[in-house]
């Protein structure tokens, strides 16, 4: 299982709406609107790295109101 945090910047006033839509996507474990340099932080998981890419690129980045994402893959030492 591959897990990652997706840090999301949104258009002004869209954070709650974007978080709610992201939270409903398959593969998204949790999505919350937050304060700070990012507006939404989502925890996602996929069976493989190859499945993680399309989840972020196609599904999450396709949500209206998102301006930028940064994906941070979880590493287990």
PDB file of N, CA and C in Angstrom:
ATOM      1  N   UNK A   1       0.844  -1.177   0.000  1.00  0.00           N
ATOM      2  CA  UNK A   1       0.000   0.000   0.000  1.00  0.00           C
ATOM      3  C   UNK A   1       0.890   1.241   0.000  1.00  0.00           C
ATOM      4  N   UNK A   2       0.601   2.171  -0.889  1.00  0.00           N
ATOM      5  CA  UNK A   2       1.322   3.438  -0.974  1.00  0.00           C
ATOM      6  C   UNK A   2       0.407   4.525  -0.422  1.00  0.00           C
ATOM      7  N   UNK A   3       0.953   5.328   0.493  1.00  0.00           N
ATOM      8  CA  UNK A   3       0.183   6.413   1.087  1.00  0.00           C
ATOM      9  C   UNK A   3       0.893   7.727   0.832  1.00  0.00           C
ATOM     10  N   UNK A   4       0.103   8.805   0.760  1.00  0.00           N
ATOM     11  CA  UNK A   4       0.678  10.126   0.526  1.00  0.00           C
ATOM     12  C   UNK A   4      -0.236  11.195   1.101  1.00  0.00           C
ATOM     13  N   UNK A   5       0.361  12.342   1.353  1.00  0.00           N
ATOM     14  CA  UNK A   5      -0.402  13.539   1.688  1.00  0.00           C
ATOM     15  C   UNK A   5      -0.385  14.422   0.454  1.00  0.00           C
ATOM     16  N   UNK A   6      -1.541  14.958   0.113  1.00  0.00           N
ATOM     17  CA  UNK A   6      -1.625  15.887  -1.005  1.00  0.00           C
ATOM     18  C   UNK A   6      -1.968  17.248  -0.413  1.00  0.00           C
ATOM     19  N   UNK A   7      -1.054  18.197  -0.598  1.00  0.00           N
ATOM     20  CA  UNK A   7      -1.230  19.560  -0.105  1.00  0.00           C
ATOM     21  C   UNK A   7      -1.830  20.380  -1.237  1.00  0.00           C
ATOM     22  N   UNK A   8      -2.928  21.057  -0.959  1.00  0.00           N
ATOM     23  CA  UNK A   8      -3.710  21.694  -2.013  1.00  0.00           C
ATOM     24  C   UNK A   8      -3.874  23.181  -1.745  1.00  0.00           C
ATOM     25  N   UNK A   9      -3.620  23.984  -2.764  1.00  0.00           N
ATOM     26  CA  UNK A   9      -3.971  25.401  -2.722  1.00  0.00           C
ATOM     27  C   UNK A   9      -5.205  25.581  -3.591  1.00  0.00           C
ATOM     28  N   UNK A  10      -6.130  26.418  -3.107  1.00  0.00           N
ATOM     29  CA  UNK A  10      -7.387  26.626  -3.823  1.00  0.00           C
ATOM     30  C   UNK A  10      -7.591  28.102  -4.150  1.00  0.00           C
ATOM     31  N   UNK A  11      -8.581  28.357  -4.968  1.00  0.00           N
ATOM     32  CA  UNK A  11      -9.020  29.728  -5.193  1.00  0.00           C
ATOM     33  C   UNK A  11      -9.574  30.267  -3.872  1.00  0.00           C
ATOM     34  N   UNK A  12      -9.551  31.559  -3.707  1.00  0.00           N
ATOM     35  CA  UNK A  12     -10.025  32.195  -2.475  1.00  0.00           C
ATOM     36  C   UNK A  12     -11.471  31.794  -2.192  1.00  0.00           C
ATOM     37  N   UNK A  13     -11.718  31.357  -0.959  1.00  0.00           N
ATOM     38  CA  UNK A  13     -13.066  31.014  -0.528  1.00  0.00           C
ATOM     39  C   UNK A  13     -13.554  29.639  -0.954  1.00  0.00           C
ATOM     40  N   UNK A  14     -12.701  28.824  -1.547  1.00  0.00           N
ATOM     41  CA  UNK A  14     -13.117  27.521  -2.075  1.00  0.00           C
ATOM     42  C   UNK A  14     -12.627  26.325  -1.247  1.00  0.00           C
ATOM     43  N   UNK A  15     -11.883  26.553  -0.165  1.00  0.00           N
ATOM     44  CA  UNK A  15     -11.246  25.463   0.564  1.00  0.00           C
ATOM     45  C   UNK A  15     -12.242  24.424   1.070  1.00  0.00           C
ATOM     46  N   UNK A  16     -13.303  24.845   1.737  1.00  0.00           N
ATOM     47  CA  UNK A  16     -14.267  23.885   2.297  1.00  0.00           C
ATOM     48  C   UNK A  16     -14.945  23.082   1.198  1.00  0.00           C
ATOM     49  N   UNK A  17     -15.302  23.744   0.128  1.00  0.00           N
ATOM     50  CA  UNK A  17     -15.961  23.072  -1.007  1.00  0.00           C
ATOM     51  C   UNK A  17     -15.022  22.056  -1.654  1.00  0.00           C
ATOM     52  N   UNK A  18     -13.767  22.434  -1.851  1.00  0.00           N
ATOM     53  CA  UNK A  18     -12.778  21.540  -2.457  1.00  0.00           C
ATOM     54  C   UNK A  18     -12.512  20.347  -1.537  1.00  0.00           C
ATOM     55  N   UNK A  19     -12.359  20.596  -0.236  1.00  0.00           N
ATOM     56  CA  UNK A  19     -12.108  19.505   0.714  1.00  0.00           C
ATOM     57  C   UNK A  19     -13.244  18.503   0.699  1.00  0.00           C
ATOM     58  N   UNK A  20     -14.479  18.984   0.665  1.00  0.00           N
ATOM     59  CA  UNK A  20     -15.635  18.090   0.654  1.00  0.00           C
ATOM     60  C   UNK A  20     -15.654  17.231  -0.607  1.00  0.00           C
ATOM     61  N   UNK A  21     -15.333  17.835  -1.740  1.00  0.00           N
ATOM     62  CA  UNK A  21     -15.343  17.067  -2.992  1.00  0.00           C
ATOM     63  C   UNK A  21     -14.206  16.047  -3.024  1.00  0.00           C
ATOM     64  N   UNK A  22     -13.030  16.450  -2.581  1.00  0.00           N
ATOM     65  CA  UNK A  22     -11.899  15.526  -2.552  1.00  0.00           C
ATOM     66  C   UNK A  22     -12.190  14.354  -1.615  1.00  0.00           C
ATOM     67  N   UNK A  23     -12.805  14.630  -0.477  1.00  0.00           N
ATOM     68  CA  UNK A  23     -13.093  13.591   0.519  1.00  0.00           C
ATOM     69  C   UNK A  23     -13.947  12.470  -0.054  1.00  0.00           C
ATOM     70  N   UNK A  24     -14.753  12.761  -1.066  1.00  0.00           N
ATOM     71  CA  UNK A  24     -15.625  11.763  -1.668  1.00  0.00           C
ATOM     72  C   UNK A  24     -14.989  10.933  -2.764  1.00  0.00           C
ATOM     73  N   UNK A  25     -13.747  11.212  -3.093  1.00  0.00           N
ATOM     74  CA  UNK A  25     -13.087  10.482  -4.172  1.00  0.00           C
ATOM     75  C   UNK A  25     -12.560   9.132  -3.687  1.00  0.00           C
ATOM     76  N   UNK A  26     -12.637   8.101  -4.536  1.00  0.00           N
ATOM     77  CA  UNK A  26     -12.055   6.806  -4.173  1.00  0.00           C
ATOM     78  C   UNK A  26     -10.551   6.937  -3.960  1.00  0.00           C
ATOM     79  N   UNK A  27     -10.038   6.324  -2.909  1.00  0.00           N
ATOM     80  CA  UNK A  27      -8.617   6.393  -2.607  1.00  0.00           C
ATOM     81  C   UNK A  27      -8.260   7.490  -1.624  1.00  0.00           C
ATOM     82  N   UNK A  28      -9.210   8.389  -1.362  1.00  0.00           N
ATOM     83  CA  UNK A  28      -8.965   9.462  -0.395  1.00  0.00           C
ATOM     84  C   UNK A  28      -9.434   8.984   0.973  1.00  0.00           C
ATOM     85  N   UNK A  29      -8.519   8.953   1.923  1.00  0.00           N
ATOM     86  CA  UNK A  29      -8.820   8.508   3.281  1.00  0.00           C
ATOM     87  C   UNK A  29      -9.404   9.655   4.094  1.00  0.00           C
ATOM     88  N   UNK A  30      -8.869  10.860   3.894  1.00  0.00           N
ATOM     89  CA  UNK A  30      -9.278  12.025   4.668  1.00  0.00           C
ATOM     90  C   UNK A  30      -8.922  13.277   3.895  1.00  0.00           C
ATOM     91  N   UNK A  31      -9.772  14.275   3.927  1.00  0.00           N
ATOM     92  CA  UNK A  31      -9.466  15.578   3.337  1.00  0.00           C
ATOM     93  C   UNK A  31     -10.069  16.649   4.232  1.00  0.00           C
ATOM     94  N   UNK A  32      -9.232  17.584   4.654  1.00  0.00           N
ATOM     95  CA  UNK A  32      -9.696  18.633   5.553  1.00  0.00           C
ATOM     96  C   UNK A  32      -9.174  19.989   5.095  1.00  0.00           C
ATOM     97  N   UNK A  33      -9.993  21.023   5.278  1.00  0.00           N
ATOM     98  CA  UNK A  33      -9.516  22.367   5.008  1.00  0.00           C
ATOM     99  C   UNK A  33      -8.776  22.862   6.244  1.00  0.00           C
ATOM    100  N   UNK A  34      -7.645  23.535   6.015  1.00  0.00           N
ATOM    101  CA  UNK A  34      -6.738  23.926   7.079  1.00  0.00           C
ATOM    102  C   UNK A  34      -6.290  25.373   6.887  1.00  0.00           C
ATOM    103  N   UNK A  35      -5.590  25.906   7.895  1.00  0.00           N
ATOM    104  CA  UNK A  35      -4.986  27.224   7.758  1.00  0.00           C
ATOM    105  C   UNK A  35      -3.508  27.045   7.442  1.00  0.00           C
ATOM    106  N   UNK A  36      -2.889  28.094   6.943  1.00  0.00           N
ATOM    107  CA  UNK A  36      -1.465  28.033   6.616  1.00  0.00           C
ATOM    108  C   UNK A  36      -1.243  28.216   5.131  1.00  0.00           C
ATOM    109  N   UNK A  37      -0.082  27.805   4.646  1.00  0.00           N
ATOM    110  CA  UNK A  37       0.239  28.025   3.231  1.00  0.00           C
ATOM    111  C   UNK A  37      -0.596  27.179   2.273  1.00  0.00           C
ATOM    112  N   UNK A  38      -1.205  26.104   2.787  1.00  0.00           N
ATOM    113  CA  UNK A  38      -2.083  25.275   1.961  1.00  0.00           C
ATOM    114  C   UNK A  38      -3.493  25.382   2.514  1.00  0.00           C
ATOM    115  N   UNK A  39      -4.465  25.150   1.665  1.00  0.00           N
ATOM    116  CA  UNK A  39      -5.868  25.307   2.042  1.00  0.00           C
ATOM    117  C   UNK A  39      -6.531  23.987   2.397  1.00  0.00           C
ATOM    118  N   UNK A  40      -6.051  22.897   1.801  1.00  0.00           N
ATOM    119  CA  UNK A  40      -6.609  21.565   2.044  1.00  0.00           C
ATOM    120  C   UNK A  40      -5.448  20.583   2.136  1.00  0.00           C
ATOM    121  N   UNK A  41      -5.547  19.643   3.073  1.00  0.00           N
ATOM    122  CA  UNK A  41      -4.595  18.541   3.136  1.00  0.00           C
ATOM    123  C   UNK A  41      -5.396  17.249   3.044  1.00  0.00           C
ATOM    124  N   UNK A  42      -4.999  16.394   2.112  1.00  0.00           N
ATOM    125  CA  UNK A  42      -5.692  15.120   1.913  1.00  0.00           C
ATOM    126  C   UNK A  42      -4.715  13.975   2.153  1.00  0.00           C
ATOM    127  N   UNK A  43      -5.203  12.928   2.790  1.00  0.00           N
ATOM    128  CA  UNK A  43      -4.421  11.682   2.936  1.00  0.00           C
ATOM    129  C   UNK A  43      -5.004  10.703   1.932  1.00  0.00           C
ATOM    130  N   UNK A  44      -4.155  10.166   1.072  1.00  0.00           N
ATOM    131  CA  UNK A  44      -4.621   9.258   0.026  1.00  0.00           C
ATOM    132  C   UNK A  44      -3.844   7.953   0.103  1.00  0.00           C
ATOM    133  N   UNK A  45      -4.423   6.900  -0.466  1.00  0.00           N
ATOM    134  CA  UNK A  45      -3.717   5.630  -0.548  1.00  0.00           C
ATOM    135  C   UNK A  45      -4.105   4.906  -1.826  1.00  0.00           C
ATOM    136  N   UNK A  46      -3.154   4.125  -2.307  1.00  0.00           N
ATOM    137  CA  UNK A  46      -3.344   3.335  -3.521  1.00  0.00           C
ATOM    138  C   UNK A  46      -2.534   2.051  -3.367  1.00  0.00           C
ATOM    139  N   UNK A  47      -2.879   1.062  -4.148  1.00  0.00           N
ATOM    140  CA  UNK A  47      -2.184  -0.225  -4.071  1.00  0.00           C
ATOM    141  C   UNK A  47      -0.725  -0.108  -4.517  1.00  0.00           C
ATOM    142  N   UNK A  48      -0.471   0.732  -5.519  1.00  0.00           N
ATOM    143  CA  UNK A  48       0.879   0.890  -6.054  1.00  0.00           C
ATOM    144  C   UNK A  48       1.144   2.351  -6.385  1.00  0.00           C
ATOM    145  N   UNK A  49       2.414   2.675  -6.600  1.00  0.00           N
ATOM    146  CA  UNK A  49       2.778   4.028  -7.027  1.00  0.00           C
ATOM    147  C   UNK A  49       2.130   4.336  -8.370  1.00  0.00           C
ATOM    148  N   UNK A  50       2.035   3.336  -9.237  1.00  0.00           N
ATOM    149  CA  UNK A  50       1.422   3.540 -10.547  1.00  0.00           C
ATOM    150  C   UNK A  50      -0.052   3.919 -10.437  1.00  0.00           C
ATOM    151  N   UNK A  51      -0.722   3.493  -9.389  1.00  0.00           N
ATOM    152  CA  UNK A  51      -2.121   3.863  -9.183  1.00  0.00           C
ATOM    153  C   UNK A  51      -2.249   5.202  -8.465  1.00  0.00           C
ATOM    154  N   UNK A  52      -1.228   5.588  -7.717  1.00  0.00           N
ATOM    155  CA  UNK A  52      -1.256   6.857  -7.000  1.00  0.00           C
ATOM    156  C   UNK A  52      -1.232   8.043  -7.969  1.00  0.00           C
ATOM    157  N   UNK A  53      -0.425   7.935  -9.012  1.00  0.00           N
ATOM    158  CA  UNK A  53      -0.307   9.022  -9.995  1.00  0.00           C
ATOM    159  C   UNK A  53      -1.641   9.442 -10.591  1.00  0.00           C
ATOM    160  N   UNK A  54      -2.400   8.514 -11.162  1.00  0.00           N
ATOM    161  CA  UNK A  54      -3.694   8.898 -11.743  1.00  0.00           C
ATOM    162  C   UNK A  54      -4.690   9.435 -10.708  1.00  0.00           C
ATOM    163  N   UNK A  55      -4.616   8.919  -9.473  1.00  0.00           N
ATOM    164  CA  UNK A  55      -5.504   9.423  -8.427  1.00  0.00           C
ATOM    165  C   UNK A  55      -5.273  10.914  -8.229  1.00  0.00           C
ATOM    166  N   UNK A  56      -4.001  11.299  -8.156  1.00  0.00           N
ATOM    167  CA  UNK A  56      -3.685  12.710  -7.933  1.00  0.00           C
ATOM    168  C   UNK A  56      -3.882  13.509  -9.207  1.00  0.00           C
ATOM    169  N   UNK A  57      -3.313  13.027 -10.306  1.00  0.00           N
ATOM    170  CA  UNK A  57      -3.318  13.800 -11.548  1.00  0.00           C
ATOM    171  C   UNK A  57      -4.705  13.942 -12.167  1.00  0.00           C
ATOM    172  N   UNK A  58      -5.459  12.886 -12.207  1.00  0.00           N
ATOM    173  CA  UNK A  58      -6.754  12.924 -12.889  1.00  0.00           C
ATOM    174  C   UNK A  58      -7.892  13.326 -11.969  1.00  0.00           C
ATOM    175  N   UNK A  59      -7.934  12.698 -10.804  1.00  0.00           N
ATOM    176  CA  UNK A  59      -9.096  12.899  -9.942  1.00  0.00           C
ATOM    177  C   UNK A  59      -8.969  14.142  -9.068  1.00  0.00           C
ATOM    178  N   UNK A  60      -7.918  14.230  -8.285  1.00  0.00           N
ATOM    179  CA  UNK A  60      -7.794  15.364  -7.360  1.00  0.00           C
ATOM    180  C   UNK A  60      -7.552  16.661  -8.123  1.00  0.00           C
ATOM    181  N   UNK A  61      -6.611  16.668  -9.043  1.00  0.00           N
ATOM    182  CA  UNK A  61      -6.330  17.905  -9.773  1.00  0.00           C
ATOM    183  C   UNK A  61      -7.482  18.319 -10.689  1.00  0.00           C
ATOM    184  N   UNK A  62      -8.413  17.413 -10.926  1.00  0.00           N
ATOM    185  CA  UNK A  62      -9.578  17.742 -11.744  1.00  0.00           C
ATOM    186  C   UNK A  62     -10.688  18.451 -10.985  1.00  0.00           C
ATOM    187  N   UNK A  63     -10.543  18.568  -9.666  1.00  0.00           N
ATOM    188  CA  UNK A  63     -11.568  19.236  -8.859  1.00  0.00           C
ATOM    189  C   UNK A  63     -11.515  20.738  -9.129  1.00  0.00           C
ATOM    190  N   UNK A  64     -12.666  21.301  -9.425  1.00  0.00           N
ATOM    191  CA  UNK A  64     -12.750  22.731  -9.728  1.00  0.00           C
ATOM    192  C   UNK A  64     -12.409  23.549  -8.481  1.00  0.00           C
ATOM    193  N   UNK A  65     -11.590  24.573  -8.661  1.00  0.00           N
ATOM    194  CA  UNK A  65     -11.212  25.456  -7.571  1.00  0.00           C
ATOM    195  C   UNK A  65      -9.795  25.234  -7.080  1.00  0.00           C
ATOM    196  N   UNK A  66      -9.151  24.156  -7.538  1.00  0.00           N
ATOM    197  CA  UNK A  66      -7.769  23.883  -7.145  1.00  0.00           C
ATOM    198  C   UNK A  66      -6.823  24.659  -8.059  1.00  0.00           C
ATOM    199  N   UNK A  67      -5.827  25.308  -7.451  1.00  0.00           N
ATOM    200  CA  UNK A  67      -4.841  26.033  -8.246  1.00  0.00           C
ATOM    201  C   UNK A  67      -3.484  25.341  -8.270  1.00  0.00           C
ATOM    202  N   UNK A  68      -3.185  24.542  -7.210  1.00  0.00           N
ATOM    203  CA  UNK A  68      -1.875  23.892  -7.143  1.00  0.00           C
ATOM    204  C   UNK A  68      -1.917  22.737  -6.157  1.00  0.00           C
ATOM    205  N   UNK A  69      -1.162  21.669  -6.447  1.00  0.00           N
ATOM    206  CA  UNK A  69      -1.026  20.566  -5.493  1.00  0.00           C
ATOM    207  C   UNK A  69       0.442  20.189  -5.341  1.00  0.00           C
ATOM    208  N   UNK A  70       0.750  19.651  -4.161  1.00  0.00           N
ATOM    209  CA  UNK A  70       2.062  19.075  -3.891  1.00  0.00           C
ATOM    210  C   UNK A  70       1.801  17.730  -3.250  1.00  0.00           C
ATOM    211  N   UNK A  71       2.397  16.670  -3.793  1.00  0.00           N
ATOM    212  CA  UNK A  71       2.193  15.330  -3.264  1.00  0.00           C
ATOM    213  C   UNK A  71       3.419  14.885  -2.501  1.00  0.00           C
ATOM    214  N   UNK A  72       3.193  14.471  -1.245  1.00  0.00           N
ATOM    215  CA  UNK A  72       4.275  14.018  -0.361  1.00  0.00           C
ATOM    216  C   UNK A  72       4.022  12.551  -0.020  1.00  0.00           C
ATOM    217  N   UNK A  73       4.810  11.658  -0.605  1.00  0.00           N
ATOM    218  CA  UNK A  73       4.640  10.232  -0.360  1.00  0.00           C
ATOM    219  C   UNK A  73       5.162   9.877   1.027  1.00  0.00           C
ATOM    220  N   UNK A  74       4.397   9.054   1.723  1.00  0.00           N
ATOM    221  CA  UNK A  74       4.795   8.600   3.050  1.00  0.00           C
ATOM    222  C   UNK A  74       5.867   7.528   2.891  1.00  0.00           C
ATOM    223  N   UNK A  75       6.956   7.655   3.655  1.00  0.00           N
ATOM    224  CA  UNK A  75       8.010   6.640   3.645  1.00  0.00           C
ATOM    225  C   UNK A  75       8.006   5.949   5.008  1.00  0.00           C
ATOM    226  N   UNK A  76       8.199   4.669   4.979  1.00  0.00           N
ATOM    227  CA  UNK A  76       8.253   3.893   6.199  1.00  0.00           C
ATOM    228  C   UNK A  76       9.675   3.407   6.394  1.00  0.00           C
ATOM    229  N   UNK A  77      10.338   3.913   7.424  1.00  0.00           N
ATOM    230  CA  UNK A  77      11.749   3.560   7.664  1.00  0.00           C
ATOM    231  C   UNK A  77      11.852   2.273   8.443  1.00  0.00           C
TER     232      UNK A  77
END
